[in-house]
Amino acid sequence: MSNANDGEIKMIVAFIRPGKLTAVKKGLAEVGAPSLTVTNVRGRGSQPVKKGQWRGEEYVVDLHEKVKLETVVADVPADDVVEAIKDAAHTGEPGDGKIFVVDVEDAVQIRTGKSGTEAV
């Protein structure tokens, strides 16, 4: 077992543009972190508010569509995962998203009962 994260388990949570999901999945596979959970979400950040019109009424879109990615790593350096997501999701425009790295206290694999880094 490697000490990629000093023996710790890390969860990387990223909020990205939906159109960047394929590129991010490819980037994660290249660094050896292919396991992930994907959720469609809406949120508000630095991306500008958009205005539109429907049936003659003006409306404001201030919650933008995003994809939330979650991946947990032990043997793969969290820094490598963050770099892969950042490189693949970057457009340079407001609304590219955010990445958070969280310490995971423990993990348990339900099927085998393994815990800690062995469960990841």
PDB file of N, CA and C in Angstrom:
ATOM      1  N   MET A   1       0.834  -1.180   0.000  1.00  0.00           N
ATOM      2  CA  MET A   1       0.000   0.000   0.000  1.00  0.00           C
ATOM      3  C   MET A   1       0.881   1.247   0.000  1.00  0.00           C
ATOM      4  N   SER A   2       0.522   2.206  -0.835  1.00  0.00           N
ATOM      5  CA  SER A   2       1.277   3.444  -0.972  1.00  0.00           C
ATOM      6  C   SER A   2       0.874   4.451   0.096  1.00  0.00           C
ATOM      7  N   ASN A   3       1.757   5.389   0.375  1.00  0.00           N
ATOM      8  CA  ASN A   3       1.433   6.480   1.284  1.00  0.00           C
ATOM      9  C   ASN A   3       1.186   7.752   0.490  1.00  0.00           C
ATOM     10  N   ALA A   4       0.390   7.643  -0.553  1.00  0.00           N
ATOM     11  CA  ALA A   4       0.153   8.774  -1.444  1.00  0.00           C
ATOM     12  C   ALA A   4      -0.409   9.985  -0.708  1.00  0.00           C
ATOM     13  N   ASN A   5      -1.231   9.751   0.294  1.00  0.00           N
ATOM     14  CA  ASN A   5      -1.835  10.841   1.071  1.00  0.00           C
ATOM     15  C   ASN A   5      -1.423  10.731   2.533  1.00  0.00           C
ATOM     16  N   ASP A   6      -0.186  10.317   2.762  1.00  0.00           N
ATOM     17  CA  ASP A   6       0.334  10.112   4.119  1.00  0.00           C
ATOM     18  C   ASP A   6      -0.540   9.157   4.916  1.00  0.00           C
ATOM     19  N   GLY A   7      -1.054   8.130   4.239  1.00  0.00           N
ATOM     20  CA  GLY A   7      -1.874   7.121   4.898  1.00  0.00           C
ATOM     21  C   GLY A   7      -3.295   7.562   5.184  1.00  0.00           C
ATOM     22  N   GLU A   8      -3.683   8.720   4.700  1.00  0.00           N
ATOM     23  CA  GLU A   8      -5.031   9.242   4.939  1.00  0.00           C
ATOM     24  C   GLU A   8      -5.933   8.990   3.738  1.00  0.00           C
ATOM     25  N   ILE A   9      -7.227   9.027   4.016  1.00  0.00           N
ATOM     26  CA  ILE A   9      -8.239   8.921   2.968  1.00  0.00           C
ATOM     27  C   ILE A   9      -8.737  10.336   2.694  1.00  0.00           C
ATOM     28  N   LYS A  10      -8.834  10.686   1.429  1.00  0.00           N
ATOM     29  CA  LYS A  10      -9.291  12.021   1.034  1.00  0.00           C
ATOM     30  C   LYS A  10     -10.511  11.903   0.128  1.00  0.00           C
ATOM     31  N   MET A  11     -11.464  12.799   0.324  1.00  0.00           N
ATOM     32  CA  MET A  11     -12.601  12.914  -0.590  1.00  0.00           C
ATOM     33  C   MET A  11     -12.429  14.223  -1.354  1.00  0.00           C
ATOM     34  N   ILE A  12     -12.504  14.129  -2.664  1.00  0.00           N
ATOM     35  CA  ILE A  12     -12.435  15.310  -3.500  1.00  0.00           C
ATOM     36  C   ILE A  12     -13.839  15.538  -4.047  1.00  0.00           C
ATOM     37  N   VAL A  13     -14.368  16.733  -3.792  1.00  0.00           N
ATOM     38  CA  VAL A  13     -15.693  17.123  -4.260  1.00  0.00           C
ATOM     39  C   VAL A  13     -15.504  18.292  -5.215  1.00  0.00           C
ATOM     40  N   ALA A  14     -16.058  18.169  -6.413  1.00  0.00           N
ATOM     41  CA  ALA A  14     -15.914  19.227  -7.407  1.00  0.00           C
ATOM     42  C   ALA A  14     -17.269  19.574  -7.998  1.00  0.00           C
ATOM     43  N   PHE A  15     -17.461  20.854  -8.249  1.00  0.00           N
ATOM     44  CA  PHE A  15     -18.648  21.340  -8.942  1.00  0.00           C
ATOM     45  C   PHE A  15     -18.158  21.907 -10.265  1.00  0.00           C
ATOM     46  N   ILE A  16     -18.617  21.320 -11.377  1.00  0.00           N
ATOM     47  CA  ILE A  16     -18.107  21.688 -12.703  1.00  0.00           C
ATOM     48  C   ILE A  16     -19.264  21.933 -13.670  1.00  0.00           C
ATOM     49  N   ARG A  17     -18.912  22.461 -14.833  1.00  0.00           N
ATOM     50  CA  ARG A  17     -19.893  22.631 -15.905  1.00  0.00           C
ATOM     51  C   ARG A  17     -20.270  21.248 -16.452  1.00  0.00           C
ATOM     52  N   PRO A  18     -21.558  21.020 -16.744  1.00  0.00           N
ATOM     53  CA  PRO A  18     -21.968  19.708 -17.276  1.00  0.00           C
ATOM     54  C   PRO A  18     -21.215  19.313 -18.545  1.00  0.00           C
ATOM     55  N   GLY A  19     -20.891  20.260 -19.394  1.00  0.00           N
ATOM     56  CA  GLY A  19     -20.202  19.960 -20.648  1.00  0.00           C
ATOM     57  C   GLY A  19     -18.768  19.498 -20.476  1.00  0.00           C
ATOM     58  N   LYS A  20     -18.226  19.623 -19.280  1.00  0.00           N
ATOM     59  CA  LYS A  20     -16.845  19.224 -19.009  1.00  0.00           C
ATOM     60  C   LYS A  20     -16.744  17.842 -18.361  1.00  0.00           C
ATOM     61  N   LEU A  21     -17.869  17.189 -18.131  1.00  0.00           N
ATOM     62  CA  LEU A  21     -17.866  15.900 -17.437  1.00  0.00           C
ATOM     63  C   LEU A  21     -17.034  14.843 -18.160  1.00  0.00           C
ATOM     64  N   THR A  22     -17.174  14.714 -19.453  1.00  0.00           N
ATOM     65  CA  THR A  22     -16.431  13.695 -20.198  1.00  0.00           C
ATOM     66  C   THR A  22     -14.926  13.917 -20.084  1.00  0.00           C
ATOM     67  N   ALA A  23     -14.498  15.163 -20.221  1.00  0.00           N
ATOM     68  CA  ALA A  23     -13.069  15.475 -20.119  1.00  0.00           C
ATOM     69  C   ALA A  23     -12.549  15.192 -18.717  1.00  0.00           C
ATOM     70  N   VAL A  24     -13.340  15.500 -17.702  1.00  0.00           N
ATOM     71  CA  VAL A  24     -12.918  15.258 -16.319  1.00  0.00           C
ATOM     72  C   VAL A  24     -12.833  13.756 -16.047  1.00  0.00           C
ATOM     73  N   LYS A  25     -13.801  12.974 -16.526  1.00  0.00           N
ATOM     74  CA  LYS A  25     -13.742  11.521 -16.333  1.00  0.00           C
ATOM     75  C   LYS A  25     -12.485  10.942 -16.974  1.00  0.00           C
ATOM     76  N   LYS A  26     -12.142  11.427 -18.145  1.00  0.00           N
ATOM     77  CA  LYS A  26     -10.926  10.963 -18.825  1.00  0.00           C
ATOM     78  C   LYS A  26      -9.687  11.344 -18.017  1.00  0.00           C
ATOM     79  N   GLY A  27      -9.643  12.561 -17.511  1.00  0.00           N
ATOM     80  CA  GLY A  27      -8.519  13.016 -16.701  1.00  0.00           C
ATOM     81  C   GLY A  27      -8.360  12.209 -15.421  1.00  0.00           C
ATOM     82  N   LEU A  28      -9.471  11.876 -14.785  1.00  0.00           N
ATOM     83  CA  LEU A  28      -9.422  11.061 -13.568  1.00  0.00           C
ATOM     84  C   LEU A  28      -8.916   9.655 -13.864  1.00  0.00           C
ATOM     85  N   ALA A  29      -9.354   9.078 -14.966  1.00  0.00           N
ATOM     86  CA  ALA A  29      -8.889   7.742 -15.344  1.00  0.00           C
ATOM     87  C   ALA A  29      -7.381   7.749 -15.601  1.00  0.00           C
ATOM     88  N   GLU A  30      -6.881   8.826 -16.189  1.00  0.00           N
ATOM     89  CA  GLU A  30      -5.450   8.916 -16.490  1.00  0.00           C
ATOM     90  C   GLU A  30      -4.586   8.977 -15.234  1.00  0.00           C
ATOM     91  N   VAL A  31      -5.108   9.530 -14.137  1.00  0.00           N
ATOM     92  CA  VAL A  31      -4.320   9.585 -12.895  1.00  0.00           C
ATOM     93  C   VAL A  31      -4.624   8.402 -11.977  1.00  0.00           C
ATOM     94  N   GLY A  32      -5.450   7.458 -12.445  1.00  0.00           N
ATOM     95  CA  GLY A  32      -5.725   6.251 -11.671  1.00  0.00           C
ATOM     96  C   GLY A  32      -6.834   6.397 -10.656  1.00  0.00           C
ATOM     97  N   ALA A  33      -7.732   7.356 -10.857  1.00  0.00           N
ATOM     98  CA  ALA A  33      -8.864   7.550  -9.944  1.00  0.00           C
ATOM     99  C   ALA A  33     -10.171   7.498 -10.724  1.00  0.00           C
ATOM    100  N   PRO A  34     -10.510   6.331 -11.289  1.00  0.00           N
ATOM    101  CA  PRO A  34     -11.688   6.256 -12.144  1.00  0.00           C
ATOM    102  C   PRO A  34     -13.020   6.186 -11.388  1.00  0.00           C
ATOM    103  N   SER A  35     -12.994   5.877 -10.083  1.00  0.00           N
ATOM    104  CA  SER A  35     -14.239   5.745  -9.326  1.00  0.00           C
ATOM    105  C   SER A  35     -14.776   7.112  -8.938  1.00  0.00           C
ATOM    106  N   LEU A  36     -16.048   7.353  -9.250  1.00  0.00           N
ATOM    107  CA  LEU A  36     -16.632   8.623  -8.870  1.00  0.00           C
ATOM    108  C   LEU A  36     -18.143   8.522  -8.798  1.00  0.00           C
ATOM    109  N   THR A  37     -18.728   9.469  -8.099  1.00  0.00           N
ATOM    110  CA  THR A  37     -20.172   9.621  -8.027  1.00  0.00           C
ATOM    111  C   THR A  37     -20.500  10.957  -8.665  1.00  0.00           C
ATOM    112  N   VAL A  38     -21.531  10.971  -9.515  1.00  0.00           N
ATOM    113  CA  VAL A  38     -21.910  12.179 -10.239  1.00  0.00           C
ATOM    114  C   VAL A  38     -23.362  12.516  -9.914  1.00  0.00           C
ATOM    115  N   THR A  39     -23.603  13.785  -9.581  1.00  0.00           N
ATOM    116  CA  THR A  39     -24.944  14.260  -9.270  1.00  0.00           C
ATOM    117  C   THR A  39     -25.187  15.556 -10.029  1.00  0.00           C
ATOM    118  N   ASN A  40     -26.369  15.684 -10.635  1.00  0.00           N
ATOM    119  CA  ASN A  40     -26.740  16.943 -11.273  1.00  0.00           C
ATOM    120  C   ASN A  40     -27.276  17.874 -10.189  1.00  0.00           C
ATOM    121  N   VAL A  41     -26.729  19.084 -10.125  1.00  0.00           N
ATOM    122  CA  VAL A  41     -27.116  20.050  -9.098  1.00  0.00           C
ATOM    123  C   VAL A  41     -27.306  21.425  -9.738  1.00  0.00           C
ATOM    124  N   ARG A  42     -27.853  22.337  -8.965  1.00  0.00           N
ATOM    125  CA  ARG A  42     -27.963  23.740  -9.360  1.00  0.00           C
ATOM    126  C   ARG A  42     -27.317  24.562  -8.271  1.00  0.00           C
ATOM    127  N   GLY A  43     -26.689  25.661  -8.658  1.00  0.00           N
ATOM    128  CA  GLY A  43     -26.060  26.489  -7.654  1.00  0.00           C
ATOM    129  C   GLY A  43     -25.800  27.896  -8.145  1.00  0.00           C
ATOM    130  N   ARG A  44     -25.341  28.710  -7.211  1.00  0.00           N
ATOM    131  CA  ARG A  44     -25.036  30.100  -7.511  1.00  0.00           C
ATOM    132  C   ARG A  44     -23.645  30.395  -6.995  1.00  0.00           C
ATOM    133  N   GLY A  45     -22.831  31.018  -7.821  1.00  0.00           N
ATOM    134  CA  GLY A  45     -21.479  31.391  -7.443  1.00  0.00           C
ATOM    135  C   GLY A  45     -21.114  32.677  -8.141  1.00  0.00           C
ATOM    136  N   SER A  46     -19.950  32.701  -8.773  1.00  0.00           N
ATOM    137  CA  SER A  46     -19.492  33.925  -9.433  1.00  0.00           C
ATOM    138  C   SER A  46     -20.021  34.070 -10.856  1.00  0.00           C
ATOM    139  N   GLN A  47     -20.681  33.028 -11.360  1.00  0.00           N
ATOM    140  CA  GLN A  47     -21.214  33.090 -12.721  1.00  0.00           C
ATOM    141  C   GLN A  47     -22.325  34.137 -12.791  1.00  0.00           C
ATOM    142  N   PRO A  48     -22.330  34.994 -13.828  1.00  0.00           N
ATOM    143  CA  PRO A  48     -23.321  36.070 -13.893  1.00  0.00           C
ATOM    144  C   PRO A  48     -24.750  35.545 -14.022  1.00  0.00           C
ATOM    145  N   VAL A  49     -25.675  36.340 -13.513  1.00  0.00           N
ATOM    146  CA  VAL A  49     -27.101  36.043 -13.618  1.00  0.00           C
ATOM    147  C   VAL A  49     -27.517  36.210 -15.073  1.00  0.00           C
ATOM    148  N   LYS A  50     -28.373  35.304 -15.541  1.00  0.00           N
ATOM    149  CA  LYS A  50     -28.878  35.409 -16.910  1.00  0.00           C
ATOM    150  C   LYS A  50     -30.350  35.782 -16.866  1.00  0.00           C
ATOM    151  N   LYS A  51     -30.758  36.602 -17.824  1.00  0.00           N
ATOM    152  CA  LYS A  51     -32.165  36.991 -17.930  1.00  0.00           C
ATOM    153  C   LYS A  51     -32.718  36.405 -19.209  1.00  0.00           C
ATOM    154  N   GLY A  52     -33.976  36.026 -19.162  1.00  0.00           N
ATOM    155  CA  GLY A  52     -34.633  35.486 -20.335  1.00  0.00           C
ATOM    156  C   GLY A  52     -36.078  35.924 -20.378  1.00  0.00           C
ATOM    157  N   GLN A  53     -36.779  35.509 -21.432  1.00  0.00           N
ATOM    158  CA  GLN A  53     -38.173  35.841 -21.569  1.00  0.00           C
ATOM    159  C   GLN A  53     -38.932  34.603 -21.993  1.00  0.00           C
ATOM    160  N   TRP A  54     -40.090  34.398 -21.382  1.00  0.00           N
ATOM    161  CA  TRP A  54     -40.935  33.266 -21.725  1.00  0.00           C
ATOM    162  C   TRP A  54     -42.371  33.735 -21.687  1.00  0.00           C
ATOM    163  N   ARG A  55     -43.084  33.584 -22.791  1.00  0.00           N
ATOM    164  CA  ARG A  55     -44.474  34.028 -22.921  1.00  0.00           C
ATOM    165  C   ARG A  55     -44.641  35.483 -22.511  1.00  0.00           C
ATOM    166  N   GLY A  56     -43.692  36.287 -22.936  1.00  0.00           N
ATOM    167  CA  GLY A  56     -43.770  37.714 -22.683  1.00  0.00           C
ATOM    168  C   GLY A  56     -43.338  38.154 -21.299  1.00  0.00           C
ATOM    169  N   GLU A  57     -43.043  37.216 -20.422  1.00  0.00           N
ATOM    170  CA  GLU A  57     -42.619  37.546 -19.065  1.00  0.00           C
ATOM    171  C   GLU A  57     -41.109  37.371 -18.940  1.00  0.00           C
ATOM    172  N   GLU A  58     -40.466  38.348 -18.303  1.00  0.00           N
ATOM    173  CA  GLU A  58     -39.027  38.244 -18.073  1.00  0.00           C
ATOM    174  C   GLU A  58     -38.766  37.389 -16.833  1.00  0.00           C
ATOM    175  N   TYR A  59     -37.746  36.558 -16.904  1.00  0.00           N
ATOM    176  CA  TYR A  59     -37.360  35.755 -15.748  1.00  0.00           C
ATOM    177  C   TYR A  59     -35.849  35.804 -15.578  1.00  0.00           C
ATOM    178  N   VAL A  60     -35.398  35.479 -14.377  1.00  0.00           N
ATOM    179  CA  VAL A  60     -33.981  35.531 -14.034  1.00  0.00           C
ATOM    180  C   VAL A  60     -33.516  34.115 -13.696  1.00  0.00           C
ATOM    181  N   VAL A  61     -32.385  33.719 -14.299  1.00  0.00           N
ATOM    182  CA  VAL A  61     -31.775  32.432 -13.974  1.00  0.00           C
ATOM    183  C   VAL A  61     -30.552  32.731 -13.109  1.00  0.00           C
ATOM    184  N   ASP A  62     -30.694  32.510 -11.802  1.00  0.00           N
ATOM    185  CA  ASP A  62     -29.559  32.758 -10.916  1.00  0.00           C
ATOM    186  C   ASP A  62     -29.039  31.474 -10.279  1.00  0.00           C
ATOM    187  N   LEU A  63     -29.684  30.358 -10.568  1.00  0.00           N
ATOM    188  CA  LEU A  63     -29.180  29.043 -10.163  1.00  0.00           C
ATOM    189  C   LEU A  63     -28.791  28.312 -11.437  1.00  0.00           C
ATOM    190  N   HIS A  64     -27.498  28.067 -11.604  1.00  0.00           N
ATOM    191  CA  HIS A  64     -26.976  27.481 -12.832  1.00  0.00           C
ATOM    192  C   HIS A  64     -26.795  25.974 -12.680  1.00  0.00           C
ATOM    193  N   GLU A  65     -26.997  25.266 -13.799  1.00  0.00           N
ATOM    194  CA  GLU A  65     -26.810  23.813 -13.821  1.00  0.00           C
ATOM    195  C   GLU A  65     -25.329  23.498 -13.640  1.00  0.00           C
ATOM    196  N   LYS A  66     -25.041  22.580 -12.740  1.00  0.00           N
ATOM    197  CA  LYS A  66     -23.674  22.113 -12.493  1.00  0.00           C
ATOM    198  C   LYS A  66     -23.710  20.602 -12.309  1.00  0.00           C
ATOM    199  N   VAL A  67     -22.540  20.011 -12.343  1.00  0.00           N
ATOM    200  CA  VAL A  67     -22.377  18.596 -12.025  1.00  0.00           C
ATOM    201  C   VAL A  67     -21.501  18.522 -10.777  1.00  0.00           C
ATOM    202  N   LYS A  68     -21.945  17.759  -9.799  1.00  0.00           N
ATOM    203  CA  LYS A  68     -21.158  17.544  -8.581  1.00  0.00           C
ATOM    204  C   LYS A  68     -20.483  16.185  -8.703  1.00  0.00           C
ATOM    205  N   LEU A  69     -19.156  16.186  -8.598  1.00  0.00           N
ATOM    206  CA  LEU A  69     -18.374  14.956  -8.641  1.00  0.00           C
ATOM    207  C   LEU A  69     -17.827  14.686  -7.254  1.00  0.00           C
ATOM    208  N   GLU A  70     -17.844  13.429  -6.849  1.00  0.00           N
ATOM    209  CA  GLU A  70     -17.236  13.024  -5.591  1.00  0.00           C
ATOM    210  C   GLU A  70     -16.384  11.792  -5.856  1.00  0.00           C
ATOM    211  N   THR A  71     -15.162  11.827  -5.385  1.00  0.00           N
ATOM    212  CA  THR A  71     -14.287  10.667  -5.488  1.00  0.00           C
ATOM    213  C   THR A  71     -13.474  10.568  -4.205  1.00  0.00           C
ATOM    214  N   VAL A  72     -13.234   9.342  -3.769  1.00  0.00           N
ATOM    215  CA  VAL A  72     -12.475   9.096  -2.542  1.00  0.00           C
ATOM    216  C   VAL A  72     -11.216   8.331  -2.913  1.00  0.00           C
ATOM    217  N   VAL A  73     -10.059   8.819  -2.414  1.00  0.00           N
ATOM    218  CA  VAL A  73      -8.788   8.203  -2.766  1.00  0.00           C
ATOM    219  C   VAL A  73      -7.939   7.961  -1.528  1.00  0.00           C
ATOM    220  N   ALA A  74      -7.130   6.937  -1.617  1.00  0.00           N
ATOM    221  CA  ALA A  74      -6.148   6.641  -0.567  1.00  0.00           C
ATOM    222  C   ALA A  74      -4.782   6.421  -1.212  1.00  0.00           C
ATOM    223  N   ASP A  75      -4.735   5.565  -2.245  1.00  0.00           N
ATOM    224  CA  ASP A  75      -3.472   5.239  -2.913  1.00  0.00           C
ATOM    225  C   ASP A  75      -3.106   6.215  -4.019  1.00  0.00           C
ATOM    226  N   VAL A  76      -4.042   7.025  -4.449  1.00  0.00           N
ATOM    227  CA  VAL A  76      -3.796   8.030  -5.486  1.00  0.00           C
ATOM    228  C   VAL A  76      -3.659   9.379  -4.790  1.00  0.00           C
ATOM    229  N   PRO A  77      -2.600  10.124  -5.067  1.00  0.00           N
ATOM    230  CA  PRO A  77      -2.441  11.428  -4.417  1.00  0.00           C
ATOM    231  C   PRO A  77      -3.609  12.370  -4.720  1.00  0.00           C
ATOM    232  N   ALA A  78      -4.181  12.946  -3.668  1.00  0.00           N
ATOM    233  CA  ALA A  78      -5.296  13.873  -3.843  1.00  0.00           C
ATOM    234  C   ALA A  78      -4.897  15.056  -4.715  1.00  0.00           C
ATOM    235  N   ASP A  79      -3.649  15.497  -4.609  1.00  0.00           N
ATOM    236  CA  ASP A  79      -3.179  16.619  -5.428  1.00  0.00           C
ATOM    237  C   ASP A  79      -3.249  16.289  -6.919  1.00  0.00           C
ATOM    238  N   ASP A  80      -2.959  15.034  -7.284  1.00  0.00           N
ATOM    239  CA  ASP A  80      -3.039  14.618  -8.684  1.00  0.00           C
ATOM    240  C   ASP A  80      -4.486  14.656  -9.180  1.00  0.00           C
ATOM    241  N   VAL A  81      -5.405  14.234  -8.318  1.00  0.00           N
ATOM    242  CA  VAL A  81      -6.822  14.235  -8.672  1.00  0.00           C
ATOM    243  C   VAL A  81      -7.313  15.673  -8.862  1.00  0.00           C
ATOM    244  N   VAL A  82      -6.938  16.551  -7.951  1.00  0.00           N
ATOM    245  CA  VAL A  82      -7.325  17.959  -8.049  1.00  0.00           C
ATOM    246  C   VAL A  82      -6.789  18.566  -9.346  1.00  0.00           C
ATOM    247  N   GLU A  83      -5.529  18.317  -9.667  1.00  0.00           N
ATOM    248  CA  GLU A  83      -4.936  18.847 -10.894  1.00  0.00           C
ATOM    249  C   GLU A  83      -5.654  18.313 -12.134  1.00  0.00           C
ATOM    250  N   ALA A  84      -6.005  17.024 -12.127  1.00  0.00           N
ATOM    251  CA  ALA A  84      -6.696  16.430 -13.277  1.00  0.00           C
ATOM    252  C   ALA A  84      -8.050  17.091 -13.489  1.00  0.00           C
ATOM    253  N   ILE A  85      -8.793  17.306 -12.408  1.00  0.00           N
ATOM    254  CA  ILE A  85     -10.098  17.957 -12.517  1.00  0.00           C
ATOM    255  C   ILE A  85      -9.929  19.402 -12.976  1.00  0.00           C
ATOM    256  N   LYS A  86      -8.997  20.107 -12.346  1.00  0.00           N
ATOM    257  CA  LYS A  86      -8.776  21.523 -12.674  1.00  0.00           C
ATOM    258  C   LYS A  86      -8.401  21.697 -14.140  1.00  0.00           C
ATOM    259  N   ASP A  87      -7.478  20.873 -14.630  1.00  0.00           N
ATOM    260  CA  ASP A  87      -7.038  20.977 -16.019  1.00  0.00           C
ATOM    261  C   ASP A  87      -8.167  20.651 -17.001  1.00  0.00           C
ATOM    262  N   ALA A  88      -8.956  19.631 -16.697  1.00  0.00           N
ATOM    263  CA  ALA A  88     -10.007  19.196 -17.624  1.00  0.00           C
ATOM    264  C   ALA A  88     -11.231  20.111 -17.600  1.00  0.00           C
ATOM    265  N   ALA A  89     -11.514  20.753 -16.471  1.00  0.00           N
ATOM    266  CA  ALA A  89     -12.730  21.561 -16.334  1.00  0.00           C
ATOM    267  C   ALA A  89     -12.516  23.037 -16.646  1.00  0.00           C
ATOM    268  N   HIS A  90     -11.280  23.461 -16.831  1.00  0.00           N
ATOM    269  CA  HIS A  90     -10.954  24.881 -16.998  1.00  0.00           C
ATOM    270  C   HIS A  90     -11.394  25.427 -18.352  1.00  0.00           C
ATOM    271  N   THR A  91     -12.116  26.563 -18.323  1.00  0.00           N
ATOM    272  CA  THR A  91     -12.416  27.305 -19.547  1.00  0.00           C
ATOM    273  C   THR A  91     -11.891  28.735 -19.447  1.00  0.00           C
ATOM    274  N   GLY A  92     -11.643  29.197 -18.223  1.00  0.00           N
ATOM    275  CA  GLY A  92     -11.185  30.558 -18.014  1.00  0.00           C
ATOM    276  C   GLY A  92     -12.305  31.554 -17.813  1.00  0.00           C
ATOM    277  N   GLU A  93     -13.547  31.087 -17.877  1.00  0.00           N
ATOM    278  CA  GLU A  93     -14.710  31.957 -17.714  1.00  0.00           C
ATOM    279  C   GLU A  93     -15.308  31.782 -16.320  1.00  0.00           C
ATOM    280  N   PRO A  94     -16.015  32.814 -15.806  1.00  0.00           N
ATOM    281  CA  PRO A  94     -16.713  32.638 -14.531  1.00  0.00           C
ATOM    282  C   PRO A  94     -17.677  31.461 -14.623  1.00  0.00           C
ATOM    283  N   GLY A  95     -17.746  30.670 -13.573  1.00  0.00           N
ATOM    284  CA  GLY A  95     -18.641  29.521 -13.562  1.00  0.00           C
ATOM    285  C   GLY A  95     -17.946  28.203 -13.847  1.00  0.00           C
ATOM    286  N   ASP A  96     -16.604  28.213 -13.929  1.00  0.00           N
ATOM    287  CA  ASP A  96     -15.873  26.954 -14.144  1.00  0.00           C
ATOM    288  C   ASP A  96     -16.080  25.985 -12.990  1.00  0.00           C
ATOM    289  N   GLY A  97     -16.275  26.481 -11.779  1.00  0.00           N
ATOM    290  CA  GLY A  97     -16.572  25.609 -10.652  1.00  0.00           C
ATOM    291  C   GLY A  97     -15.574  25.716  -9.529  1.00  0.00           C
ATOM    292  N   LYS A  98     -15.689  24.783  -8.598  1.00  0.00           N
ATOM    293  CA  LYS A  98     -14.831  24.746  -7.414  1.00  0.00           C
ATOM    294  C   LYS A  98     -14.473  23.297  -7.114  1.00  0.00           C
ATOM    295  N   ILE A  99     -13.343  23.125  -6.407  1.00  0.00           N
ATOM    296  CA  ILE A  99     -12.904  21.801  -5.962  1.00  0.00           C
ATOM    297  C   ILE A  99     -12.603  21.907  -4.476  1.00  0.00           C
ATOM    298  N   PHE A 100     -13.085  20.933  -3.717  1.00  0.00           N
ATOM    299  CA  PHE A 100     -12.842  20.876  -2.280  1.00  0.00           C
ATOM    300  C   PHE A 100     -12.198  19.536  -1.942  1.00  0.00           C
ATOM    301  N   VAL A 101     -11.224  19.547  -1.036  1.00  0.00           N
ATOM    302  CA  VAL A 101     -10.583  18.327  -0.568  1.00  0.00           C
ATOM    303  C   VAL A 101     -10.917  18.187   0.910  1.00  0.00           C
ATOM    304  N   VAL A 102     -11.472  17.029   1.270  1.00  0.00           N
ATOM    305  CA  VAL A 102     -11.964  16.797   2.625  1.00  0.00           C
ATOM    306  C   VAL A 102     -11.292  15.554   3.198  1.00  0.00           C
ATOM    307  N   ASP A 103     -10.850  15.626   4.450  1.00  0.00           N
ATOM    308  CA  ASP A 103     -10.321  14.445   5.128  1.00  0.00           C
ATOM    309  C   ASP A 103     -11.471  13.502   5.459  1.00  0.00           C
ATOM    310  N   VAL A 104     -11.265  12.205   5.204  1.00  0.00           N
ATOM    311  CA  VAL A 104     -12.259  11.186   5.528  1.00  0.00           C
ATOM    312  C   VAL A 104     -11.757  10.437   6.746  1.00  0.00           C
ATOM    313  N   GLU A 105     -12.550  10.401   7.787  1.00  0.00           N
ATOM    314  CA  GLU A 105     -12.132   9.762   9.034  1.00  0.00           C
ATOM    315  C   GLU A 105     -11.992   8.255   8.876  1.00  0.00           C
ATOM    316  N   ASP A 106     -12.934   7.626   8.172  1.00  0.00           N
ATOM    317  CA  ASP A 106     -12.881   6.176   7.987  1.00  0.00           C
ATOM    318  C   ASP A 106     -13.741   5.801   6.797  1.00  0.00           C
ATOM    319  N   ALA A 107     -13.552   4.597   6.299  1.00  0.00           N
ATOM    320  CA  ALA A 107     -14.359   4.045   5.220  1.00  0.00           C
ATOM    321  C   ALA A 107     -14.553   2.565   5.505  1.00  0.00           C
ATOM    322  N   VAL A 108     -15.720   2.046   5.147  1.00  0.00           N
ATOM    323  CA  VAL A 108     -16.009   0.624   5.332  1.00  0.00           C
ATOM    324  C   VAL A 108     -16.619   0.101   4.039  1.00  0.00           C
ATOM    325  N   GLN A 109     -16.028  -0.963   3.518  1.00  0.00           N
ATOM    326  CA  GLN A 109     -16.579  -1.601   2.323  1.00  0.00           C
ATOM    327  C   GLN A 109     -17.635  -2.591   2.791  1.00  0.00           C
ATOM    328  N   ILE A 110     -18.861  -2.405   2.367  1.00  0.00           N
ATOM    329  CA  ILE A 110     -19.980  -3.212   2.852  1.00  0.00           C
ATOM    330  C   ILE A 110     -19.805  -4.687   2.495  1.00  0.00           C
ATOM    331  N   ARG A 111     -19.428  -4.974   1.257  1.00  0.00           N
ATOM    332  CA  ARG A 111     -19.342  -6.367   0.804  1.00  0.00           C
ATOM    333  C   ARG A 111     -18.325  -7.176   1.595  1.00  0.00           C
ATOM    334  N   THR A 112     -17.129  -6.617   1.811  1.00  0.00           N
ATOM    335  CA  THR A 112     -16.044  -7.374   2.447  1.00  0.00           C
ATOM    336  C   THR A 112     -15.858  -7.096   3.911  1.00  0.00           C
ATOM    337  N   GLY A 113     -16.371  -5.958   4.365  1.00  0.00           N
ATOM    338  CA  GLY A 113     -16.154  -5.559   5.755  1.00  0.00           C
ATOM    339  C   GLY A 113     -14.815  -4.889   5.982  1.00  0.00           C
ATOM    340  N   LYS A 114     -14.000  -4.733   4.919  1.00  0.00           N
ATOM    341  CA  LYS A 114     -12.711  -4.055   5.076  1.00  0.00           C
ATOM    342  C   LYS A 114     -12.955  -2.611   5.476  1.00  0.00           C
ATOM    343  N   SER A 115     -11.972  -2.058   6.217  1.00  0.00           N
ATOM    344  CA  SER A 115     -12.113  -0.667   6.634  1.00  0.00           C
ATOM    345  C   SER A 115     -10.819   0.081   6.393  1.00  0.00           C
ATOM    346  N   GLY A 116     -10.893   1.409   6.582  1.00  0.00           N
ATOM    347  CA  GLY A 116      -9.720   2.254   6.368  1.00  0.00           C
ATOM    348  C   GLY A 116      -9.340   2.329   4.904  1.00  0.00           C
ATOM    349  N   THR A 117      -8.054   2.482   4.648  1.00  0.00           N
ATOM    350  CA  THR A 117      -7.571   2.627   3.268  1.00  0.00           C
ATOM    351  C   THR A 117      -7.819   1.368   2.436  1.00  0.00           C
ATOM    352  N   GLU A 118      -7.936   0.213   3.082  1.00  0.00           N
ATOM    353  CA  GLU A 118      -8.210  -1.031   2.350  1.00  0.00           C
ATOM    354  C   GLU A 118      -9.624  -1.022   1.755  1.00  0.00           C
ATOM    355  N   ALA A 119     -10.518  -0.253   2.322  1.00  0.00           N
ATOM    356  CA  ALA A 119     -11.891  -0.183   1.831  1.00  0.00           C
ATOM    357  C   ALA A 119     -12.013   0.699   0.590  1.00  0.00           C
ATOM    358  N   VAL A 120     -11.022   1.573   0.419  1.00  0.00           N
ATOM    359  CA  VAL A 120     -11.074   2.506  -0.701  1.00  0.00           C
ATOM    360  C   VAL A 120     -10.505   1.815  -1.925  1.00  0.00           C
TER     361      VAL A 120
END
